[in-house]
Amino acid sequence: VKAEIWRELRVYVYVLTLVARCLKRRREQGGALELSNGGRELDFELRGTNLDPEKYRTSDHLETHDTVMELMILANSSVAEKVLKSSEAAGVSYNPCAVLRSHNPTATKKVEDILRVLQDAGVGSVAKIKEDALAQNEAHPGRRV
């Protein structure tokens, strides 16, 4: 970055950081789940072809990571709202022109494994997360979401 624009760039990044703080606070008040411990990120080491979590480690976390994350969440949410609105306007459950990702339901064992790792990492109470994840799988066993 050229030295002459550093001061101006710093102001813009600071403003984006303030916006991201507000976005994060709003998401947290809405019940967003934060999978981190003490402001640090969890990196998982996966093993085998099933990619089962074997161990984890923490990595340093910077507020700029939160800023980027919040802006990405905002962008994804905006696109999802646009797809939903265009679908409703067309009178369909989803817009057939939209490119959507489709995921198989998570295996119950994998949910239990990751929750055990999170609990061991001190991420706090995972009972509600487990209950919701397992209920979702049981309610829609063959559904791709």
N, C-alpha and C. Protein backbone atom coordinates (compact mmCIF):
# COMPACT_ATOMS: atom_id res chain seq x y z
N VAL A 1 0.85 -1.18 0.00
CA VAL A 1 0.00 0.00 0.00
C VAL A 1 0.89 1.24 0.00
N LYS A 2 0.57 2.15 -0.86
CA LYS A 2 1.35 3.38 -0.94
C LYS A 2 1.21 4.18 0.35
N ALA A 3 2.31 4.74 0.81
CA ALA A 3 2.35 5.48 2.07
C ALA A 3 1.38 6.66 2.08
N GLU A 4 1.19 7.30 0.94
CA GLU A 4 0.34 8.49 0.91
C GLU A 4 -1.15 8.20 1.12
N ILE A 5 -1.58 6.96 0.92
CA ILE A 5 -2.99 6.64 1.16
C ILE A 5 -3.21 5.87 2.47
N TRP A 6 -2.13 5.62 3.19
CA TRP A 6 -2.22 4.83 4.42
C TRP A 6 -3.19 5.44 5.44
N ARG A 7 -3.09 6.74 5.66
CA ARG A 7 -3.95 7.41 6.66
C ARG A 7 -5.43 7.28 6.27
N GLU A 8 -5.74 7.55 5.01
CA GLU A 8 -7.12 7.46 4.54
C GLU A 8 -7.63 6.02 4.62
N LEU A 9 -6.80 5.08 4.22
CA LEU A 9 -7.17 3.67 4.28
C LEU A 9 -7.44 3.23 5.71
N ARG A 10 -6.64 3.71 6.63
CA ARG A 10 -6.80 3.37 8.04
C ARG A 10 -8.17 3.84 8.56
N VAL A 11 -8.58 5.02 8.14
CA VAL A 11 -9.90 5.55 8.54
C VAL A 11 -11.01 4.65 7.99
N TYR A 12 -10.91 4.26 6.73
CA TYR A 12 -11.94 3.40 6.13
C TYR A 12 -12.02 2.05 6.83
N VAL A 13 -10.87 1.47 7.13
CA VAL A 13 -10.86 0.18 7.84
C VAL A 13 -11.46 0.34 9.23
N TYR A 14 -11.16 1.45 9.89
CA TYR A 14 -11.72 1.70 11.21
C TYR A 14 -13.25 1.80 11.14
N VAL A 15 -13.76 2.50 10.15
CA VAL A 15 -15.22 2.63 9.98
C VAL A 15 -15.84 1.25 9.73
N LEU A 16 -15.20 0.45 8.87
CA LEU A 16 -15.70 -0.91 8.63
C LEU A 16 -15.68 -1.74 9.91
N THR A 17 -14.67 -1.55 10.74
CA THR A 17 -14.59 -2.27 12.01
C THR A 17 -15.75 -1.86 12.92
N LEU A 18 -16.08 -0.58 12.96
CA LEU A 18 -17.21 -0.12 13.77
C LEU A 18 -18.52 -0.72 13.26
N VAL A 19 -18.69 -0.76 11.95
CA VAL A 19 -19.88 -1.37 11.36
C VAL A 19 -19.94 -2.85 11.73
N ALA A 20 -18.81 -3.54 11.62
CA ALA A 20 -18.77 -4.97 11.93
C ALA A 20 -19.11 -5.23 13.40
N ARG A 21 -18.65 -4.37 14.29
CA ARG A 21 -18.98 -4.53 15.71
C ARG A 21 -20.50 -4.45 15.91
N CYS A 22 -21.13 -3.51 15.24
CA CYS A 22 -22.60 -3.37 15.35
C CYS A 22 -23.30 -4.60 14.78
N LEU A 23 -22.83 -5.07 13.63
CA LEU A 23 -23.43 -6.26 13.02
C LEU A 23 -23.29 -7.47 13.92
N LYS A 24 -22.12 -7.64 14.51
CA LYS A 24 -21.88 -8.78 15.40
C LYS A 24 -22.78 -8.70 16.63
N ARG A 25 -22.88 -7.52 17.20
CA ARG A 25 -23.72 -7.35 18.39
C ARG A 25 -25.17 -7.70 18.06
N ARG A 26 -25.64 -7.25 16.91
CA ARG A 26 -27.02 -7.54 16.49
C ARG A 26 -27.22 -9.05 16.29
N ARG A 27 -26.25 -9.71 15.66
CA ARG A 27 -26.36 -11.17 15.46
C ARG A 27 -26.37 -11.90 16.79
N GLU A 28 -25.48 -11.49 17.71
CA GLU A 28 -25.42 -12.14 19.02
C GLU A 28 -26.72 -11.95 19.79
N GLN A 29 -27.31 -10.77 19.71
CA GLN A 29 -28.59 -10.52 20.37
C GLN A 29 -29.69 -11.37 19.75
N GLY A 30 -29.52 -11.74 18.50
CA GLY A 30 -30.48 -12.60 17.81
C GLY A 30 -30.25 -14.08 18.03
N GLY A 31 -29.25 -14.42 18.85
CA GLY A 31 -29.00 -15.82 19.19
C GLY A 31 -27.94 -16.50 18.34
N ALA A 32 -27.08 -15.75 17.67
CA ALA A 32 -26.04 -16.35 16.84
C ALA A 32 -25.09 -17.19 17.69
N LEU A 33 -24.62 -18.27 17.14
CA LEU A 33 -23.70 -19.18 17.82
C LEU A 33 -22.27 -18.81 17.47
N GLU A 34 -21.44 -18.64 18.46
CA GLU A 34 -20.03 -18.31 18.27
C GLU A 34 -19.21 -19.53 18.66
N LEU A 35 -18.54 -20.14 17.71
CA LEU A 35 -17.72 -21.33 17.99
C LEU A 35 -16.28 -20.93 18.22
N SER A 36 -16.04 -20.18 19.27
CA SER A 36 -14.68 -19.80 19.62
C SER A 36 -14.57 -19.77 21.13
N ASN A 37 -13.36 -19.67 21.60
CA ASN A 37 -13.11 -19.70 23.03
C ASN A 37 -12.19 -18.53 23.39
N GLY A 38 -12.71 -17.59 24.16
CA GLY A 38 -11.89 -16.48 24.62
C GLY A 38 -11.33 -15.62 23.52
N GLY A 39 -12.08 -15.44 22.43
CA GLY A 39 -11.60 -14.60 21.34
C GLY A 39 -10.59 -15.29 20.45
N ARG A 40 -10.36 -16.57 20.67
CA ARG A 40 -9.42 -17.31 19.84
C ARG A 40 -10.19 -18.27 18.94
N GLU A 41 -9.59 -18.62 17.84
CA GLU A 41 -10.23 -19.54 16.92
C GLU A 41 -9.79 -20.96 17.21
N LEU A 42 -10.66 -21.91 16.89
CA LEU A 42 -10.33 -23.32 17.02
C LEU A 42 -10.01 -23.86 15.64
N ASP A 43 -8.84 -24.45 15.49
CA ASP A 43 -8.46 -25.12 14.25
C ASP A 43 -8.52 -26.61 14.53
N PHE A 44 -9.25 -27.35 13.70
CA PHE A 44 -9.40 -28.78 13.90
C PHE A 44 -8.48 -29.54 12.97
N GLU A 45 -7.87 -30.60 13.50
CA GLU A 45 -7.10 -31.52 12.68
C GLU A 45 -7.99 -32.72 12.44
N LEU A 46 -8.23 -33.02 11.17
CA LEU A 46 -9.14 -34.09 10.80
C LEU A 46 -8.35 -35.31 10.37
N ARG A 47 -8.90 -36.50 10.63
CA ARG A 47 -8.19 -37.72 10.26
C ARG A 47 -9.05 -38.61 9.37
N GLY A 48 -8.36 -39.43 8.60
CA GLY A 48 -9.03 -40.44 7.79
C GLY A 48 -9.87 -39.86 6.67
N THR A 49 -10.46 -40.78 5.92
CA THR A 49 -11.30 -40.36 4.81
C THR A 49 -12.64 -39.81 5.29
N ASN A 50 -13.02 -40.14 6.53
CA ASN A 50 -14.27 -39.62 7.09
C ASN A 50 -14.10 -38.22 7.65
N LEU A 51 -12.85 -37.75 7.74
CA LEU A 51 -12.53 -36.42 8.27
C LEU A 51 -13.08 -36.22 9.68
N ASP A 52 -12.92 -37.24 10.51
CA ASP A 52 -13.33 -37.13 11.91
C ASP A 52 -12.37 -36.20 12.64
N PRO A 53 -12.90 -35.32 13.52
CA PRO A 53 -12.01 -34.43 14.26
C PRO A 53 -11.13 -35.23 15.21
N GLU A 54 -9.82 -35.05 15.11
CA GLU A 54 -8.89 -35.79 15.95
C GLU A 54 -8.39 -34.92 17.10
N LYS A 55 -8.03 -33.69 16.80
CA LYS A 55 -7.59 -32.77 17.85
C LYS A 55 -7.79 -31.35 17.35
N TYR A 56 -7.61 -30.42 18.25
CA TYR A 56 -7.79 -29.02 17.90
C TYR A 56 -6.65 -28.21 18.49
N ARG A 57 -6.50 -27.01 18.00
CA ARG A 57 -5.54 -26.06 18.58
C ARG A 57 -6.13 -24.67 18.39
N THR A 58 -5.69 -23.77 19.22
CA THR A 58 -6.17 -22.40 19.10
C THR A 58 -5.17 -21.59 18.27
N SER A 59 -5.67 -20.57 17.63
CA SER A 59 -4.79 -19.69 16.87
C SER A 59 -5.10 -18.25 17.27
N ASP A 60 -4.13 -17.38 17.08
CA ASP A 60 -4.32 -15.98 17.43
C ASP A 60 -5.46 -15.39 16.61
N HIS A 61 -6.19 -14.53 17.25
CA HIS A 61 -7.35 -13.92 16.61
C HIS A 61 -7.20 -12.41 16.63
N LEU A 62 -7.44 -11.80 15.49
CA LEU A 62 -7.38 -10.34 15.37
C LEU A 62 -8.77 -9.80 15.08
N GLU A 63 -9.04 -8.59 15.50
CA GLU A 63 -10.35 -8.01 15.25
C GLU A 63 -10.63 -7.87 13.75
N THR A 64 -9.60 -7.75 12.96
CA THR A 64 -9.82 -7.68 11.51
C THR A 64 -10.46 -8.96 10.98
N HIS A 65 -10.19 -10.10 11.64
CA HIS A 65 -10.86 -11.35 11.25
C HIS A 65 -12.37 -11.21 11.44
N ASP A 66 -12.77 -10.62 12.58
CA ASP A 66 -14.19 -10.40 12.84
C ASP A 66 -14.80 -9.45 11.82
N THR A 67 -14.05 -8.43 11.47
CA THR A 67 -14.56 -7.45 10.50
C THR A 67 -14.84 -8.13 9.16
N VAL A 68 -13.89 -8.90 8.68
CA VAL A 68 -14.07 -9.61 7.41
C VAL A 68 -15.23 -10.60 7.53
N MET A 69 -15.28 -11.34 8.63
CA MET A 69 -16.34 -12.33 8.83
C MET A 69 -17.72 -11.68 8.81
N GLU A 70 -17.87 -10.60 9.55
CA GLU A 70 -19.18 -9.94 9.63
C GLU A 70 -19.60 -9.40 8.27
N LEU A 71 -18.67 -8.85 7.52
CA LEU A 71 -19.01 -8.33 6.20
C LEU A 71 -19.36 -9.46 5.23
N MET A 72 -18.71 -10.61 5.37
CA MET A 72 -19.06 -11.78 4.55
C MET A 72 -20.45 -12.30 4.91
N ILE A 73 -20.74 -12.35 6.21
CA ILE A 73 -22.07 -12.78 6.65
C ILE A 73 -23.13 -11.82 6.12
N LEU A 74 -22.85 -10.53 6.18
CA LEU A 74 -23.78 -9.53 5.65
C LEU A 74 -24.02 -9.75 4.16
N ALA A 75 -22.96 -9.98 3.41
CA ALA A 75 -23.09 -10.21 1.96
C ALA A 75 -23.91 -11.47 1.69
N ASN A 76 -23.60 -12.56 2.39
CA ASN A 76 -24.34 -13.81 2.19
C ASN A 76 -25.81 -13.65 2.56
N SER A 77 -26.08 -12.96 3.66
CA SER A 77 -27.46 -12.74 4.09
C SER A 77 -28.22 -11.90 3.08
N SER A 78 -27.56 -10.90 2.54
CA SER A 78 -28.21 -10.04 1.54
C SER A 78 -28.57 -10.82 0.29
N VAL A 79 -27.68 -11.68 -0.15
CA VAL A 79 -27.96 -12.51 -1.32
C VAL A 79 -29.10 -13.48 -1.02
N ALA A 80 -29.09 -14.09 0.16
CA ALA A 80 -30.16 -15.03 0.53
C ALA A 80 -31.51 -14.32 0.56
N GLU A 81 -31.55 -13.11 1.10
CA GLU A 81 -32.81 -12.35 1.12
C GLU A 81 -33.28 -12.03 -0.29
N LYS A 82 -32.35 -11.68 -1.16
CA LYS A 82 -32.70 -11.36 -2.55
C LYS A 82 -33.27 -12.60 -3.25
N VAL A 83 -32.64 -13.76 -3.05
CA VAL A 83 -33.13 -15.01 -3.65
C VAL A 83 -34.52 -15.33 -3.11
N LEU A 84 -34.71 -15.17 -1.80
CA LEU A 84 -36.00 -15.46 -1.19
C LEU A 84 -37.08 -14.53 -1.73
N LYS A 85 -36.78 -13.24 -1.80
CA LYS A 85 -37.77 -12.27 -2.30
C LYS A 85 -38.13 -12.54 -3.76
N SER A 86 -37.14 -12.88 -4.57
CA SER A 86 -37.43 -13.16 -5.98
C SER A 86 -38.24 -14.44 -6.11
N SER A 87 -38.03 -15.39 -5.20
CA SER A 87 -38.80 -16.63 -5.21
C SER A 87 -40.25 -16.35 -4.82
N GLU A 88 -40.43 -15.58 -3.75
CA GLU A 88 -41.79 -15.24 -3.30
C GLU A 88 -42.55 -14.49 -4.39
N ALA A 89 -41.86 -13.59 -5.07
CA ALA A 89 -42.50 -12.82 -6.14
C ALA A 89 -42.94 -13.73 -7.28
N ALA A 90 -42.17 -14.80 -7.50
CA ALA A 90 -42.50 -15.74 -8.58
C ALA A 90 -43.49 -16.80 -8.12
N GLY A 91 -43.80 -16.81 -6.81
CA GLY A 91 -44.76 -17.79 -6.28
C GLY A 91 -44.21 -19.20 -6.18
N VAL A 92 -42.90 -19.33 -6.00
CA VAL A 92 -42.28 -20.65 -5.86
C VAL A 92 -41.51 -20.71 -4.55
N SER A 93 -41.17 -21.95 -4.12
CA SER A 93 -40.46 -22.09 -2.85
C SER A 93 -39.02 -21.60 -2.95
N TYR A 94 -38.44 -21.68 -4.13
CA TYR A 94 -37.12 -21.10 -4.37
C TYR A 94 -37.02 -20.75 -5.85
N ASN A 95 -36.18 -19.82 -6.16
CA ASN A 95 -36.02 -19.36 -7.53
C ASN A 95 -35.26 -20.42 -8.32
N PRO A 96 -35.87 -21.00 -9.34
CA PRO A 96 -35.19 -22.06 -10.10
C PRO A 96 -33.94 -21.57 -10.83
N CYS A 97 -33.78 -20.26 -10.96
CA CYS A 97 -32.59 -19.71 -11.61
C CYS A 97 -31.45 -19.51 -10.61
N ALA A 98 -31.75 -19.64 -9.32
CA ALA A 98 -30.73 -19.42 -8.29
C ALA A 98 -29.80 -20.62 -8.20
N VAL A 99 -28.54 -20.34 -7.97
CA VAL A 99 -27.56 -21.40 -7.74
C VAL A 99 -27.47 -21.59 -6.24
N LEU A 100 -27.92 -22.75 -5.76
CA LEU A 100 -27.96 -23.02 -4.33
C LEU A 100 -27.07 -24.21 -4.00
N ARG A 101 -26.43 -24.14 -2.84
CA ARG A 101 -25.66 -25.29 -2.37
C ARG A 101 -26.62 -26.25 -1.68
N SER A 102 -26.33 -27.53 -1.79
CA SER A 102 -27.16 -28.55 -1.18
C SER A 102 -26.27 -29.44 -0.34
N HIS A 103 -26.66 -29.64 0.92
CA HIS A 103 -25.85 -30.44 1.84
C HIS A 103 -26.67 -31.60 2.37
N ASN A 104 -26.03 -32.76 2.49
CA ASN A 104 -26.67 -33.88 3.16
C ASN A 104 -26.76 -33.57 4.64
N PRO A 105 -27.77 -34.13 5.33
CA PRO A 105 -27.83 -33.94 6.78
C PRO A 105 -26.56 -34.47 7.44
N THR A 106 -26.13 -33.82 8.49
CA THR A 106 -24.93 -34.24 9.21
C THR A 106 -25.22 -35.52 9.98
N ALA A 107 -24.32 -36.48 9.92
CA ALA A 107 -24.48 -37.74 10.65
C ALA A 107 -24.49 -37.46 12.15
N THR A 108 -25.39 -38.14 12.86
CA THR A 108 -25.53 -37.94 14.30
C THR A 108 -24.20 -38.14 15.02
N LYS A 109 -23.44 -39.17 14.63
CA LYS A 109 -22.16 -39.43 15.30
C LYS A 109 -21.20 -38.26 15.12
N LYS A 110 -21.18 -37.68 13.94
CA LYS A 110 -20.30 -36.53 13.71
C LYS A 110 -20.71 -35.34 14.56
N VAL A 111 -22.02 -35.14 14.70
CA VAL A 111 -22.50 -34.05 15.56
C VAL A 111 -22.03 -34.29 16.99
N GLU A 112 -22.19 -35.52 17.46
CA GLU A 112 -21.77 -35.84 18.83
C GLU A 112 -20.26 -35.68 18.99
N ASP A 113 -19.48 -36.09 17.99
CA ASP A 113 -18.02 -35.95 18.07
C ASP A 113 -17.60 -34.49 18.16
N ILE A 114 -18.17 -33.66 17.30
CA ILE A 114 -17.77 -32.25 17.31
C ILE A 114 -18.22 -31.57 18.60
N LEU A 115 -19.38 -31.94 19.11
CA LEU A 115 -19.85 -31.36 20.36
C LEU A 115 -18.95 -31.76 21.53
N ARG A 116 -18.45 -33.00 21.50
CA ARG A 116 -17.52 -33.45 22.54
C ARG A 116 -16.24 -32.63 22.48
N VAL A 117 -15.72 -32.40 21.29
CA VAL A 117 -14.50 -31.60 21.13
C VAL A 117 -14.75 -30.17 21.62
N LEU A 118 -15.90 -29.60 21.27
CA LEU A 118 -16.22 -28.24 21.71
C LEU A 118 -16.33 -28.17 23.23
N GLN A 119 -16.97 -29.16 23.82
CA GLN A 119 -17.11 -29.17 25.27
C GLN A 119 -15.75 -29.31 25.94
N ASP A 120 -14.89 -30.18 25.41
CA ASP A 120 -13.54 -30.35 25.95
C ASP A 120 -12.73 -29.06 25.82
N ALA A 121 -13.04 -28.27 24.80
CA ALA A 121 -12.33 -27.01 24.57
C ALA A 121 -12.86 -25.89 25.46
N GLY A 122 -13.92 -26.18 26.21
CA GLY A 122 -14.47 -25.17 27.11
C GLY A 122 -15.33 -24.14 26.42
N VAL A 123 -15.97 -24.51 25.32
CA VAL A 123 -16.80 -23.58 24.58
C VAL A 123 -18.11 -23.30 25.31
N GLY A 124 -18.34 -23.95 26.39
CA GLY A 124 -19.55 -23.69 27.18
C GLY A 124 -20.59 -24.75 26.96
N SER A 125 -21.80 -24.45 27.33
CA SER A 125 -22.89 -25.41 27.23
C SER A 125 -23.20 -25.69 25.77
N VAL A 126 -23.17 -26.95 25.42
CA VAL A 126 -23.47 -27.34 24.05
C VAL A 126 -24.78 -28.11 23.98
N ALA A 127 -25.50 -28.19 25.09
CA ALA A 127 -26.73 -28.97 25.13
C ALA A 127 -27.75 -28.48 24.11
N LYS A 128 -27.95 -27.17 24.01
CA LYS A 128 -28.93 -26.61 23.08
C LYS A 128 -28.50 -26.85 21.63
N ILE A 129 -27.21 -26.71 21.36
CA ILE A 129 -26.70 -26.95 20.01
C ILE A 129 -26.97 -28.40 19.62
N LYS A 130 -26.65 -29.32 20.54
CA LYS A 130 -26.84 -30.74 20.27
C LYS A 130 -28.31 -31.06 20.05
N GLU A 131 -29.15 -30.54 20.90
CA GLU A 131 -30.58 -30.78 20.79
C GLU A 131 -31.11 -30.31 19.44
N ASP A 132 -30.73 -29.12 19.03
CA ASP A 132 -31.20 -28.57 17.75
C ASP A 132 -30.67 -29.37 16.56
N ALA A 133 -29.39 -29.72 16.59
CA ALA A 133 -28.79 -30.45 15.47
C ALA A 133 -29.40 -31.84 15.32
N LEU A 134 -29.56 -32.54 16.43
CA LEU A 134 -30.13 -33.89 16.37
C LEU A 134 -31.61 -33.84 15.98
N ALA A 135 -32.34 -32.86 16.48
CA ALA A 135 -33.75 -32.72 16.12
C ALA A 135 -33.90 -32.44 14.63
N GLN A 136 -33.02 -31.63 14.09
CA GLN A 136 -33.06 -31.31 12.66
C GLN A 136 -32.82 -32.57 11.83
N ASN A 137 -31.85 -33.39 12.24
CA ASN A 137 -31.56 -34.62 11.51
C ASN A 137 -32.72 -35.60 11.60
N GLU A 138 -33.33 -35.71 12.78
CA GLU A 138 -34.44 -36.65 12.95
C GLU A 138 -35.69 -36.18 12.20
N ALA A 139 -35.92 -34.89 12.18
CA ALA A 139 -37.11 -34.35 11.52
C ALA A 139 -37.03 -34.50 10.00
N HIS A 140 -35.83 -34.44 9.46
CA HIS A 140 -35.66 -34.50 8.00
C HIS A 140 -34.49 -35.43 7.66
N PRO A 141 -34.63 -36.74 7.90
CA PRO A 141 -33.49 -37.65 7.71
C PRO A 141 -32.94 -37.72 6.29
N GLY A 142 -33.78 -37.57 5.29
CA GLY A 142 -33.29 -37.66 3.92
C GLY A 142 -33.19 -36.32 3.22
N ARG A 143 -33.53 -35.29 3.93
CA ARG A 143 -33.59 -33.95 3.33
C ARG A 143 -32.20 -33.37 3.14
N ARG A 144 -32.03 -32.72 2.03
CA ARG A 144 -30.78 -32.00 1.77
C ARG A 144 -31.07 -30.53 1.96
N VAL A 145 -30.27 -29.88 2.81
CA VAL A 145 -30.48 -28.47 3.09
C VAL A 145 -29.26 -27.67 2.76
